[in-house]
Amino acid sequence: MDTTDKHNDRIAKMTFASVYPMYLAKVEKKGRTKEELHQVIQWLTGFDNSKLNELIEKKVTFETFFQTALLNPNASLITGMICGYRIEEIENALTQQVRYLDKLVDELAKGRKMDKILR
């Protein structure tokens, strides 16, 4: 699926720190924990708690966030719909990576088992 340049640019410039509290609220509202959220983020990006907190404090953009990430080789196994887009059809690499993270957070919030989330 082709997203517009404007859409891709907006995602690239969005800060991870602005979205992280929403991720946390979403999973905690459904009975999951901050530790589980961090486990999912670490699986996708390779960031430990210390690095994750540093990136939040620095208010890095999603572009910087994913440039410094070591993306899990199994990330391409994350498929399905998120925000009206089929993840595997998104052509812009950064937008696809952000949607990978969105999908993992959704799966965590929906109560999916961790071994299924962490493909």
N, C-alpha and C. Protein backbone atom coordinates (compact mmCIF):
# COMPACT_ATOMS: atom_id res chain seq x y z
N MET A 1 0.86 -1.18 0.00
CA MET A 1 0.00 0.00 0.00
C MET A 1 0.89 1.23 0.00
N ASP A 2 0.52 2.19 -0.78
CA ASP A 2 1.29 3.42 -0.90
C ASP A 2 0.70 4.49 0.01
N THR A 3 1.49 4.96 0.95
CA THR A 3 1.07 6.07 1.80
C THR A 3 1.60 7.35 1.16
N THR A 4 0.99 8.46 1.46
CA THR A 4 1.43 9.71 0.85
C THR A 4 2.72 10.20 1.50
N ASP A 5 3.45 11.02 0.75
CA ASP A 5 4.68 11.60 1.29
C ASP A 5 4.39 12.44 2.53
N LYS A 6 3.27 13.13 2.51
CA LYS A 6 2.89 13.97 3.66
C LYS A 6 2.68 13.09 4.90
N HIS A 7 1.99 12.00 4.73
CA HIS A 7 1.74 11.04 5.82
C HIS A 7 3.05 10.48 6.36
N ASN A 8 3.93 10.05 5.44
CA ASN A 8 5.22 9.49 5.84
C ASN A 8 6.07 10.53 6.57
N ASP A 9 6.07 11.76 6.09
CA ASP A 9 6.84 12.83 6.71
C ASP A 9 6.32 13.15 8.11
N ARG A 10 5.01 13.14 8.27
CA ARG A 10 4.40 13.42 9.58
C ARG A 10 4.81 12.34 10.58
N ILE A 11 4.81 11.11 10.17
CA ILE A 11 5.23 10.02 11.06
C ILE A 11 6.71 10.15 11.41
N ALA A 12 7.55 10.46 10.42
CA ALA A 12 8.99 10.58 10.64
C ALA A 12 9.31 11.67 11.66
N LYS A 13 8.56 12.76 11.64
CA LYS A 13 8.84 13.90 12.52
C LYS A 13 8.17 13.80 13.90
N MET A 14 7.26 12.86 14.06
CA MET A 14 6.60 12.66 15.35
C MET A 14 7.62 12.12 16.35
N THR A 15 7.56 12.60 17.58
CA THR A 15 8.51 12.11 18.57
C THR A 15 7.98 10.84 19.23
N PHE A 16 8.91 9.94 19.51
CA PHE A 16 8.55 8.72 20.21
C PHE A 16 8.00 9.05 21.60
N ALA A 17 8.59 10.07 22.24
CA ALA A 17 8.17 10.46 23.59
C ALA A 17 6.71 10.92 23.62
N SER A 18 6.21 11.45 22.52
CA SER A 18 4.81 11.91 22.50
C SER A 18 3.84 10.74 22.37
N VAL A 19 4.28 9.63 21.81
CA VAL A 19 3.41 8.48 21.58
C VAL A 19 3.54 7.44 22.70
N TYR A 20 4.72 7.36 23.30
CA TYR A 20 4.98 6.35 24.33
C TYR A 20 3.93 6.36 25.46
N PRO A 21 3.55 7.54 26.01
CA PRO A 21 2.52 7.52 27.07
C PRO A 21 1.19 6.92 26.61
N MET A 22 0.87 7.08 25.34
CA MET A 22 -0.36 6.49 24.81
C MET A 22 -0.24 4.97 24.71
N TYR A 23 0.93 4.51 24.29
CA TYR A 23 1.17 3.06 24.27
C TYR A 23 1.01 2.50 25.68
N LEU A 24 1.65 3.15 26.64
CA LEU A 24 1.62 2.67 28.02
C LEU A 24 0.20 2.68 28.58
N ALA A 25 -0.53 3.75 28.36
CA ALA A 25 -1.91 3.84 28.85
C ALA A 25 -2.77 2.74 28.22
N LYS A 26 -2.57 2.50 26.95
CA LYS A 26 -3.37 1.48 26.23
C LYS A 26 -3.15 0.09 26.83
N VAL A 27 -1.89 -0.28 27.06
CA VAL A 27 -1.64 -1.62 27.58
C VAL A 27 -2.01 -1.75 29.04
N GLU A 28 -1.78 -0.70 29.84
CA GLU A 28 -2.12 -0.77 31.26
C GLU A 28 -3.63 -0.81 31.47
N LYS A 29 -4.37 -0.11 30.61
CA LYS A 29 -5.84 -0.11 30.69
C LYS A 29 -6.39 -1.52 30.48
N LYS A 30 -5.65 -2.32 29.74
CA LYS A 30 -6.09 -3.69 29.44
C LYS A 30 -5.42 -4.72 30.36
N GLY A 31 -4.77 -4.23 31.45
CA GLY A 31 -4.21 -5.15 32.43
C GLY A 31 -2.80 -5.64 32.15
N ARG A 32 -2.15 -5.08 31.15
CA ARG A 32 -0.76 -5.45 30.87
C ARG A 32 0.16 -4.45 31.58
N THR A 33 1.46 -4.74 31.62
CA THR A 33 2.38 -3.93 32.41
C THR A 33 3.37 -3.16 31.55
N LYS A 34 3.98 -2.17 32.19
CA LYS A 34 5.03 -1.38 31.56
C LYS A 34 6.19 -2.31 31.15
N GLU A 35 6.49 -3.27 32.00
CA GLU A 35 7.58 -4.21 31.72
C GLU A 35 7.28 -5.02 30.45
N GLU A 36 6.03 -5.42 30.28
CA GLU A 36 5.65 -6.16 29.07
C GLU A 36 5.77 -5.26 27.85
N LEU A 37 5.36 -4.01 27.98
CA LEU A 37 5.50 -3.06 26.87
C LEU A 37 6.97 -2.92 26.50
N HIS A 38 7.82 -2.75 27.49
CA HIS A 38 9.25 -2.61 27.23
C HIS A 38 9.84 -3.87 26.60
N GLN A 39 9.33 -5.03 27.02
CA GLN A 39 9.80 -6.29 26.43
C GLN A 39 9.47 -6.33 24.94
N VAL A 40 8.28 -5.89 24.58
CA VAL A 40 7.86 -5.87 23.18
C VAL A 40 8.72 -4.87 22.38
N ILE A 41 8.93 -3.70 22.95
CA ILE A 41 9.75 -2.68 22.27
C ILE A 41 11.19 -3.19 22.11
N GLN A 42 11.71 -3.83 23.15
CA GLN A 42 13.08 -4.35 23.07
C GLN A 42 13.19 -5.44 22.01
N TRP A 43 12.19 -6.30 21.93
CA TRP A 43 12.21 -7.36 20.92
C TRP A 43 12.30 -6.75 19.52
N LEU A 44 11.51 -5.70 19.26
CA LEU A 44 11.48 -5.09 17.93
C LEU A 44 12.74 -4.28 17.64
N THR A 45 13.21 -3.50 18.62
CA THR A 45 14.25 -2.50 18.37
C THR A 45 15.64 -2.84 18.92
N GLY A 46 15.69 -3.72 19.90
CA GLY A 46 16.95 -4.01 20.57
C GLY A 46 17.27 -3.06 21.71
N PHE A 47 16.40 -2.07 21.98
CA PHE A 47 16.66 -1.09 23.03
C PHE A 47 16.35 -1.67 24.40
N ASP A 48 17.32 -1.60 25.33
CA ASP A 48 17.05 -1.98 26.71
C ASP A 48 16.37 -0.80 27.42
N ASN A 49 15.98 -0.99 28.68
CA ASN A 49 15.27 0.06 29.41
C ASN A 49 16.05 1.36 29.48
N SER A 50 17.36 1.26 29.69
CA SER A 50 18.20 2.44 29.80
C SER A 50 18.19 3.25 28.50
N LYS A 51 18.40 2.56 27.38
CA LYS A 51 18.42 3.24 26.08
C LYS A 51 17.04 3.79 25.75
N LEU A 52 16.01 3.04 26.06
CA LEU A 52 14.64 3.49 25.80
C LEU A 52 14.35 4.77 26.56
N ASN A 53 14.70 4.80 27.84
CA ASN A 53 14.49 6.01 28.66
C ASN A 53 15.30 7.18 28.13
N GLU A 54 16.51 6.92 27.68
CA GLU A 54 17.35 7.98 27.10
C GLU A 54 16.70 8.58 25.85
N LEU A 55 16.17 7.74 24.99
CA LEU A 55 15.52 8.22 23.76
C LEU A 55 14.25 9.00 24.08
N ILE A 56 13.54 8.59 25.11
CA ILE A 56 12.34 9.33 25.53
C ILE A 56 12.74 10.70 26.06
N GLU A 57 13.76 10.74 26.91
CA GLU A 57 14.22 12.01 27.48
C GLU A 57 14.72 12.97 26.40
N LYS A 58 15.39 12.43 25.38
CA LYS A 58 15.92 13.27 24.30
C LYS A 58 14.84 13.70 23.31
N LYS A 59 13.64 13.12 23.47
CA LYS A 59 12.52 13.42 22.58
C LYS A 59 12.89 13.23 21.10
N VAL A 60 13.46 12.06 20.80
CA VAL A 60 13.86 11.77 19.43
C VAL A 60 12.64 11.52 18.55
N THR A 61 12.79 11.82 17.29
CA THR A 61 11.73 11.54 16.33
C THR A 61 11.70 10.04 16.04
N PHE A 62 10.60 9.59 15.45
CA PHE A 62 10.53 8.19 15.05
C PHE A 62 11.62 7.88 14.03
N GLU A 63 11.96 8.87 13.20
CA GLU A 63 13.03 8.67 12.22
C GLU A 63 14.34 8.32 12.93
N THR A 64 14.72 9.11 13.93
CA THR A 64 15.94 8.85 14.70
C THR A 64 15.81 7.56 15.50
N PHE A 65 14.65 7.35 16.10
CA PHE A 65 14.39 6.16 16.90
C PHE A 65 14.70 4.89 16.11
N PHE A 66 14.15 4.81 14.90
CA PHE A 66 14.34 3.59 14.11
C PHE A 66 15.68 3.56 13.38
N GLN A 67 16.31 4.72 13.16
CA GLN A 67 17.66 4.72 12.58
C GLN A 67 18.67 4.11 13.55
N THR A 68 18.43 4.31 14.85
CA THR A 68 19.36 3.78 15.85
C THR A 68 18.97 2.38 16.33
N ALA A 69 17.81 1.91 15.91
CA ALA A 69 17.34 0.58 16.34
C ALA A 69 18.02 -0.52 15.53
N LEU A 70 18.14 -1.67 16.17
CA LEU A 70 18.58 -2.88 15.49
C LEU A 70 17.32 -3.73 15.33
N LEU A 71 16.64 -3.54 14.21
CA LEU A 71 15.34 -4.17 14.00
C LEU A 71 15.45 -5.70 14.02
N ASN A 72 14.53 -6.32 14.75
CA ASN A 72 14.51 -7.77 14.85
C ASN A 72 14.35 -8.38 13.46
N PRO A 73 15.15 -9.41 13.15
CA PRO A 73 15.03 -10.04 11.83
C PRO A 73 13.65 -10.64 11.56
N ASN A 74 12.89 -10.94 12.60
CA ASN A 74 11.55 -11.50 12.42
C ASN A 74 10.46 -10.42 12.32
N ALA A 75 10.85 -9.16 12.29
CA ALA A 75 9.86 -8.08 12.22
C ALA A 75 8.96 -8.21 10.99
N SER A 76 9.50 -8.74 9.91
CA SER A 76 8.68 -8.88 8.70
C SER A 76 7.55 -9.89 8.87
N LEU A 77 7.58 -10.67 9.95
CA LEU A 77 6.49 -11.61 10.23
C LEU A 77 5.28 -10.91 10.85
N ILE A 78 5.43 -9.63 11.18
CA ILE A 78 4.31 -8.85 11.73
C ILE A 78 3.44 -8.43 10.55
N THR A 79 2.24 -8.96 10.52
CA THR A 79 1.33 -8.69 9.41
C THR A 79 -0.05 -8.32 9.94
N GLY A 80 -0.88 -7.88 9.05
CA GLY A 80 -2.25 -7.55 9.43
C GLY A 80 -2.56 -6.08 9.20
N MET A 81 -3.70 -5.68 9.70
CA MET A 81 -4.17 -4.30 9.51
C MET A 81 -3.88 -3.47 10.75
N ILE A 82 -3.45 -2.23 10.51
CA ILE A 82 -3.28 -1.26 11.59
C ILE A 82 -3.53 0.12 11.01
N CYS A 83 -4.37 0.87 11.66
CA CYS A 83 -4.70 2.24 11.22
C CYS A 83 -5.16 2.29 9.77
N GLY A 84 -5.86 1.25 9.33
CA GLY A 84 -6.41 1.22 7.98
C GLY A 84 -5.43 0.78 6.90
N TYR A 85 -4.23 0.37 7.31
CA TYR A 85 -3.22 -0.06 6.34
C TYR A 85 -2.84 -1.51 6.60
N ARG A 86 -2.61 -2.25 5.53
CA ARG A 86 -2.08 -3.60 5.66
C ARG A 86 -0.57 -3.45 5.78
N ILE A 87 -0.02 -3.84 6.94
CA ILE A 87 1.38 -3.59 7.27
C ILE A 87 2.34 -4.10 6.20
N GLU A 88 2.13 -5.29 5.74
CA GLU A 88 3.06 -5.88 4.77
C GLU A 88 3.06 -5.19 3.41
N GLU A 89 2.07 -4.33 3.17
CA GLU A 89 1.99 -3.61 1.89
C GLU A 89 2.51 -2.18 1.97
N ILE A 90 2.89 -1.72 3.14
CA ILE A 90 3.41 -0.35 3.29
C ILE A 90 4.79 -0.28 2.65
N GLU A 91 4.96 0.64 1.71
CA GLU A 91 6.20 0.72 0.95
C GLU A 91 7.28 1.54 1.63
N ASN A 92 6.92 2.55 2.40
CA ASN A 92 7.91 3.37 3.10
C ASN A 92 8.41 2.60 4.32
N ALA A 93 9.73 2.37 4.36
CA ALA A 93 10.31 1.51 5.41
C ALA A 93 10.06 2.06 6.81
N LEU A 94 10.23 3.37 7.01
CA LEU A 94 10.03 3.95 8.34
C LEU A 94 8.57 3.85 8.77
N THR A 95 7.66 4.18 7.89
CA THR A 95 6.24 4.08 8.22
C THR A 95 5.89 2.63 8.56
N GLN A 96 6.45 1.69 7.83
CA GLN A 96 6.20 0.27 8.11
C GLN A 96 6.74 -0.11 9.49
N GLN A 97 7.91 0.39 9.85
CA GLN A 97 8.49 0.07 11.16
C GLN A 97 7.65 0.63 12.29
N VAL A 98 7.16 1.86 12.13
CA VAL A 98 6.29 2.45 13.14
C VAL A 98 5.02 1.63 13.27
N ARG A 99 4.47 1.19 12.16
CA ARG A 99 3.25 0.37 12.20
C ARG A 99 3.52 -1.01 12.79
N TYR A 100 4.74 -1.54 12.62
CA TYR A 100 5.11 -2.78 13.32
C TYR A 100 4.94 -2.57 14.82
N LEU A 101 5.49 -1.46 15.31
CA LEU A 101 5.41 -1.17 16.75
C LEU A 101 3.96 -0.99 17.18
N ASP A 102 3.19 -0.25 16.40
CA ASP A 102 1.77 -0.07 16.72
C ASP A 102 1.05 -1.42 16.81
N LYS A 103 1.33 -2.30 15.88
CA LYS A 103 0.67 -3.61 15.85
C LYS A 103 1.05 -4.44 17.07
N LEU A 104 2.33 -4.42 17.45
CA LEU A 104 2.75 -5.17 18.63
C LEU A 104 2.08 -4.65 19.89
N VAL A 105 1.97 -3.33 20.00
CA VAL A 105 1.30 -2.73 21.17
C VAL A 105 -0.18 -3.14 21.17
N ASP A 106 -0.82 -3.13 20.01
CA ASP A 106 -2.22 -3.55 19.91
C ASP A 106 -2.39 -5.01 20.35
N GLU A 107 -1.49 -5.87 19.89
CA GLU A 107 -1.57 -7.28 20.25
C GLU A 107 -1.39 -7.48 21.75
N LEU A 108 -0.47 -6.73 22.34
CA LEU A 108 -0.26 -6.79 23.78
C LEU A 108 -1.51 -6.35 24.52
N ALA A 109 -2.10 -5.25 24.09
CA ALA A 109 -3.29 -4.71 24.73
C ALA A 109 -4.49 -5.65 24.58
N LYS A 110 -4.53 -6.39 23.51
CA LYS A 110 -5.65 -7.32 23.27
C LYS A 110 -5.50 -8.63 24.02
N GLY A 111 -4.41 -8.75 24.78
CA GLY A 111 -4.24 -9.94 25.61
C GLY A 111 -3.57 -11.11 24.93
N ARG A 112 -2.99 -10.88 23.76
CA ARG A 112 -2.30 -11.97 23.08
C ARG A 112 -1.13 -12.44 23.91
N LYS A 113 -0.84 -13.71 23.87
CA LYS A 113 0.26 -14.29 24.65
C LYS A 113 1.59 -13.76 24.13
N MET A 114 2.52 -13.52 25.07
CA MET A 114 3.81 -12.92 24.72
C MET A 114 4.59 -13.75 23.71
N ASP A 115 4.53 -15.07 23.81
CA ASP A 115 5.28 -15.89 22.85
C ASP A 115 4.73 -15.77 21.43
N LYS A 116 3.46 -15.41 21.30
CA LYS A 116 2.87 -15.18 19.97
C LYS A 116 3.24 -13.79 19.46
N ILE A 117 3.30 -12.82 20.37
CA ILE A 117 3.66 -11.45 19.98
C ILE A 117 5.11 -11.40 19.50
N LEU A 118 5.99 -12.09 20.24
CA LEU A 118 7.41 -12.07 19.95
C LEU A 118 7.79 -13.18 18.98
N ARG A 119 7.10 -13.24 17.93
CA ARG A 119 7.25 -14.22 16.85
C ARG A 119 8.57 -14.94 16.90
